[in-house]
């Protein structure tokens, strides 16, 4: 019974990873981003009416490379949230730690059909 449960959990995790383009917790964000883009996910532009993302590291610098950034905490573990979408109206929320991309690390992700609020 225990072996069956372990097998089911591993199968679920593998299927979930495949649906998100084989990203893993602890993976560098830029590497994960490339995997997602190559798997058909597209960055969702979260701040279309602004000068891109205003970084916390230098308040006078705007980062336009990662238009999918929704928000970053700027303190503590340095959480950031990014969004992607696919052709099937699915959305993928990525949460990273250790600051803003490109150096951030994947902490978690969640696939949903609910579109996030665009600013």
C-alpha atoms as a PDB file:
ATOM      1  CA  UNK A   1       0.000   0.000   0.000  1.00  0.00           C
ATOM      2  CA  UNK A   2       2.803   2.388   0.905  1.00  0.00           C
ATOM      3  CA  UNK A   3       4.552   1.619  -2.391  1.00  0.00           C
ATOM      4  CA  UNK A   4       1.333   2.342  -4.300  1.00  0.00           C
ATOM      5  CA  UNK A   5       0.970   5.715  -2.574  1.00  0.00           C
ATOM      6  CA  UNK A   6       4.585   6.655  -3.354  1.00  0.00           C
ATOM      7  CA  UNK A   7       4.117   5.609  -6.998  1.00  0.00           C
ATOM      8  CA  UNK A   8       0.944   7.711  -7.290  1.00  0.00           C
ATOM      9  CA  UNK A   9       2.637  10.762  -5.759  1.00  0.00           C
ATOM     10  CA  UNK A  10       5.633  10.450  -8.074  1.00  0.00           C
ATOM     11  CA  UNK A  11       3.341  10.089 -11.089  1.00  0.00           C
ATOM     12  CA  UNK A  12       1.348  13.185 -10.064  1.00  0.00           C
ATOM     13  CA  UNK A  13       4.524  15.221  -9.569  1.00  0.00           C
ATOM     14  CA  UNK A  14       5.885  14.109 -12.934  1.00  0.00           C
ATOM     15  CA  UNK A  15       2.653  14.996 -14.744  1.00  0.00           C
ATOM     16  CA  UNK A  16       2.522  18.370 -12.975  1.00  0.00           C
ATOM     17  CA  UNK A  17       6.132  19.095 -13.944  1.00  0.00           C
ATOM     18  CA  UNK A  18       5.452  18.170 -17.576  1.00  0.00           C
ATOM     19  CA  UNK A  19       2.461  20.504 -17.726  1.00  0.00           C
ATOM     20  CA  UNK A  20       4.708  23.325 -16.529  1.00  0.00           C
ATOM     21  CA  UNK A  21       7.591  22.623 -18.904  1.00  0.00           C
ATOM     22  CA  UNK A  22       9.861  20.559 -16.593  1.00  0.00           C
ATOM     23  CA  UNK A  23      10.745  23.331 -14.178  1.00  0.00           C
ATOM     24  CA  UNK A  24      11.923  22.421 -10.694  1.00  0.00           C
ATOM     25  CA  UNK A  25      12.085  24.049  -7.303  1.00  0.00           C
ATOM     26  CA  UNK A  26      15.569  25.491  -6.761  1.00  0.00           C
ATOM     27  CA  UNK A  27      16.155  26.075 -10.488  1.00  0.00           C
ATOM     28  CA  UNK A  28      17.593  29.400 -11.651  1.00  0.00           C
ATOM     29  CA  UNK A  29      14.777  31.625 -12.985  1.00  0.00           C
ATOM     30  CA  UNK A  30      16.440  32.384 -16.334  1.00  0.00           C
ATOM     31  CA  UNK A  31      16.935  28.665 -17.002  1.00  0.00           C
ATOM     32  CA  UNK A  32      13.326  27.914 -16.012  1.00  0.00           C
ATOM     33  CA  UNK A  33      12.101  30.814 -18.168  1.00  0.00           C
ATOM     34  CA  UNK A  34      13.893  29.402 -21.236  1.00  0.00           C
ATOM     35  CA  UNK A  35      12.318  25.998 -20.603  1.00  0.00           C
ATOM     36  CA  UNK A  36       8.854  27.556 -20.308  1.00  0.00           C
ATOM     37  CA  UNK A  37       9.291  29.627 -23.482  1.00  0.00           C
ATOM     38  CA  UNK A  38      10.490  26.547 -25.380  1.00  0.00           C
ATOM     39  CA  UNK A  39       7.446  24.643 -24.066  1.00  0.00           C
ATOM     40  CA  UNK A  40       4.994  27.152 -25.546  1.00  0.00           C
ATOM     41  CA  UNK A  41       4.394  29.425 -22.533  1.00  0.00           C
ATOM     42  CA  UNK A  42       4.518  33.172 -23.220  1.00  0.00           C
ATOM     43  CA  UNK A  43       5.341  35.983 -20.773  1.00  0.00           C
ATOM     44  CA  UNK A  44       2.249  37.898 -19.675  1.00  0.00           C
ATOM     45  CA  UNK A  45       2.999  41.633 -19.740  1.00  0.00           C
ATOM     46  CA  UNK A  46       1.935  42.696 -16.256  1.00  0.00           C
ATOM     47  CA  UNK A  47       2.542  46.461 -16.405  1.00  0.00           C
ATOM     48  CA  UNK A  48       1.753  47.529 -19.998  1.00  0.00           C
ATOM     49  CA  UNK A  49       1.106  51.184 -19.082  1.00  0.00           C
ATOM     50  CA  UNK A  50       4.404  51.800 -17.286  1.00  0.00           C
ATOM     51  CA  UNK A  51       8.096  51.955 -18.120  1.00  0.00           C
ATOM     52  CA  UNK A  52       8.474  48.238 -17.382  1.00  0.00           C
ATOM     53  CA  UNK A  53       9.379  46.922 -13.942  1.00  0.00           C
ATOM     54  CA  UNK A  54      10.999  49.426 -11.553  1.00  0.00           C
ATOM     55  CA  UNK A  55      13.691  47.444  -9.752  1.00  0.00           C
ATOM     56  CA  UNK A  56      14.162  47.437  -5.999  1.00  0.00           C
ATOM     57  CA  UNK A  57      17.929  47.262  -6.346  1.00  0.00           C
ATOM     58  CA  UNK A  58      18.117  50.708  -7.973  1.00  0.00           C
ATOM     59  CA  UNK A  59      14.931  52.788  -7.854  1.00  0.00           C
ATOM     60  CA  UNK A  60      16.040  54.745 -10.945  1.00  0.00           C
ATOM     61  CA  UNK A  61      16.448  51.651 -13.130  1.00  0.00           C
ATOM     62  CA  UNK A  62      13.654  50.002 -15.089  1.00  0.00           C
ATOM     63  CA  UNK A  63      13.960  46.401 -16.217  1.00  0.00           C
ATOM     64  CA  UNK A  64      12.207  45.615 -19.484  1.00  0.00           C
ATOM     65  CA  UNK A  65      13.685  42.135 -19.951  1.00  0.00           C
ATOM     66  CA  UNK A  66      11.235  40.457 -17.579  1.00  0.00           C
ATOM     67  CA  UNK A  67       7.877  42.031 -18.452  1.00  0.00           C
ATOM     68  CA  UNK A  68       6.155  39.084 -16.752  1.00  0.00           C
ATOM     69  CA  UNK A  69       7.103  40.360 -13.261  1.00  0.00           C
ATOM     70  CA  UNK A  70       3.960  41.114 -11.297  1.00  0.00           C
ATOM     71  CA  UNK A  71       5.588  42.187  -8.045  1.00  0.00           C
ATOM     72  CA  UNK A  72       8.609  41.625  -5.807  1.00  0.00           C
ATOM     73  CA  UNK A  73       8.743  41.968  -2.043  1.00  0.00           C
ATOM     74  CA  UNK A  74      12.083  43.780  -1.911  1.00  0.00           C
ATOM     75  CA  UNK A  75      12.709  42.454   1.630  1.00  0.00           C
ATOM     76  CA  UNK A  76      12.920  39.178   3.529  1.00  0.00           C
ATOM     77  CA  UNK A  77      13.403  36.177   1.260  1.00  0.00           C
ATOM     78  CA  UNK A  78      13.036  38.435  -1.780  1.00  0.00           C
ATOM     79  CA  UNK A  79       9.906  36.840  -3.228  1.00  0.00           C
ATOM     80  CA  UNK A  80       8.905  37.757  -6.786  1.00  0.00           C
ATOM     81  CA  UNK A  81       5.860  36.656  -8.756  1.00  0.00           C
ATOM     82  CA  UNK A  82       5.842  36.253 -12.527  1.00  0.00           C
ATOM     83  CA  UNK A  83       3.068  35.215 -14.926  1.00  0.00           C
ATOM     84  CA  UNK A  84       2.946  33.278 -18.196  1.00  0.00           C
ATOM     85  CA  UNK A  85       0.090  32.125 -20.451  1.00  0.00           C
ATOM     86  CA  UNK A  86      -0.454  29.501 -23.129  1.00  0.00           C
ATOM     87  CA  UNK A  87      -2.690  29.092 -26.169  1.00  0.00           C
ATOM     88  CA  UNK A  88      -5.267  27.132 -24.145  1.00  0.00           C
ATOM     89  CA  UNK A  89      -6.139  30.068 -21.850  1.00  0.00           C
ATOM     90  CA  UNK A  90      -4.066  28.695 -18.979  1.00  0.00           C
ATOM     91  CA  UNK A  91      -1.990  30.939 -16.764  1.00  0.00           C
ATOM     92  CA  UNK A  92       1.126  29.989 -14.848  1.00  0.00           C
ATOM     93  CA  UNK A  93       2.165  31.864 -11.717  1.00  0.00           C
ATOM     94  CA  UNK A  94       5.848  31.480 -10.802  1.00  0.00           C
ATOM     95  CA  UNK A  95       7.129  32.473  -7.364  1.00  0.00           C
ATOM     96  CA  UNK A  96      10.856  32.962  -6.865  1.00  0.00           C
ATOM     97  CA  UNK A  97      13.113  33.776  -3.919  1.00  0.00           C
ATOM     98  CA  UNK A  98      16.496  35.479  -3.557  1.00  0.00           C
ATOM     99  CA  UNK A  99      15.597  38.748  -5.270  1.00  0.00           C
ATOM    100  CA  UNK A 100      14.631  39.817  -8.733  1.00  0.00           C
ATOM    101  CA  UNK A 101      15.403  37.982 -11.958  1.00  0.00           C
ATOM    102  CA  UNK A 102      17.760  37.025 -13.455  1.00  0.00           C
ATOM    103  CA  UNK A 103      19.424  35.723 -10.276  1.00  0.00           C
ATOM    104  CA  UNK A 104      16.250  34.548  -8.523  1.00  0.00           C
ATOM    105  CA  UNK A 105      15.475  30.896  -7.792  1.00  0.00           C
ATOM    106  CA  UNK A 106      12.207  29.023  -8.448  1.00  0.00           C
ATOM    107  CA  UNK A 107      10.300  28.471  -5.205  1.00  0.00           C
ATOM    108  CA  UNK A 108       6.885  27.343  -6.492  1.00  0.00           C
ATOM    109  CA  UNK A 109       4.448  27.542  -9.396  1.00  0.00           C
ATOM    110  CA  UNK A 110       0.750  27.133  -9.960  1.00  0.00           C
ATOM    111  CA  UNK A 111      -1.289  26.654 -13.113  1.00  0.00           C
ATOM    112  CA  UNK A 112      -4.735  28.269 -13.235  1.00  0.00           C
ATOM    113  CA  UNK A 113      -7.405  29.362 -15.710  1.00  0.00           C
ATOM    114  CA  UNK A 114      -8.026  32.603 -13.807  1.00  0.00           C
ATOM    115  CA  UNK A 115      -6.345  35.577 -15.472  1.00  0.00           C
ATOM    116  CA  UNK A 116      -4.358  37.751 -13.057  1.00  0.00           C
ATOM    117  CA  UNK A 117      -4.964  41.490 -12.690  1.00  0.00           C
ATOM    118  CA  UNK A 118      -2.938  43.484 -15.232  1.00  0.00           C
ATOM    119  CA  UNK A 119      -1.770  46.923 -14.051  1.00  0.00           C
END
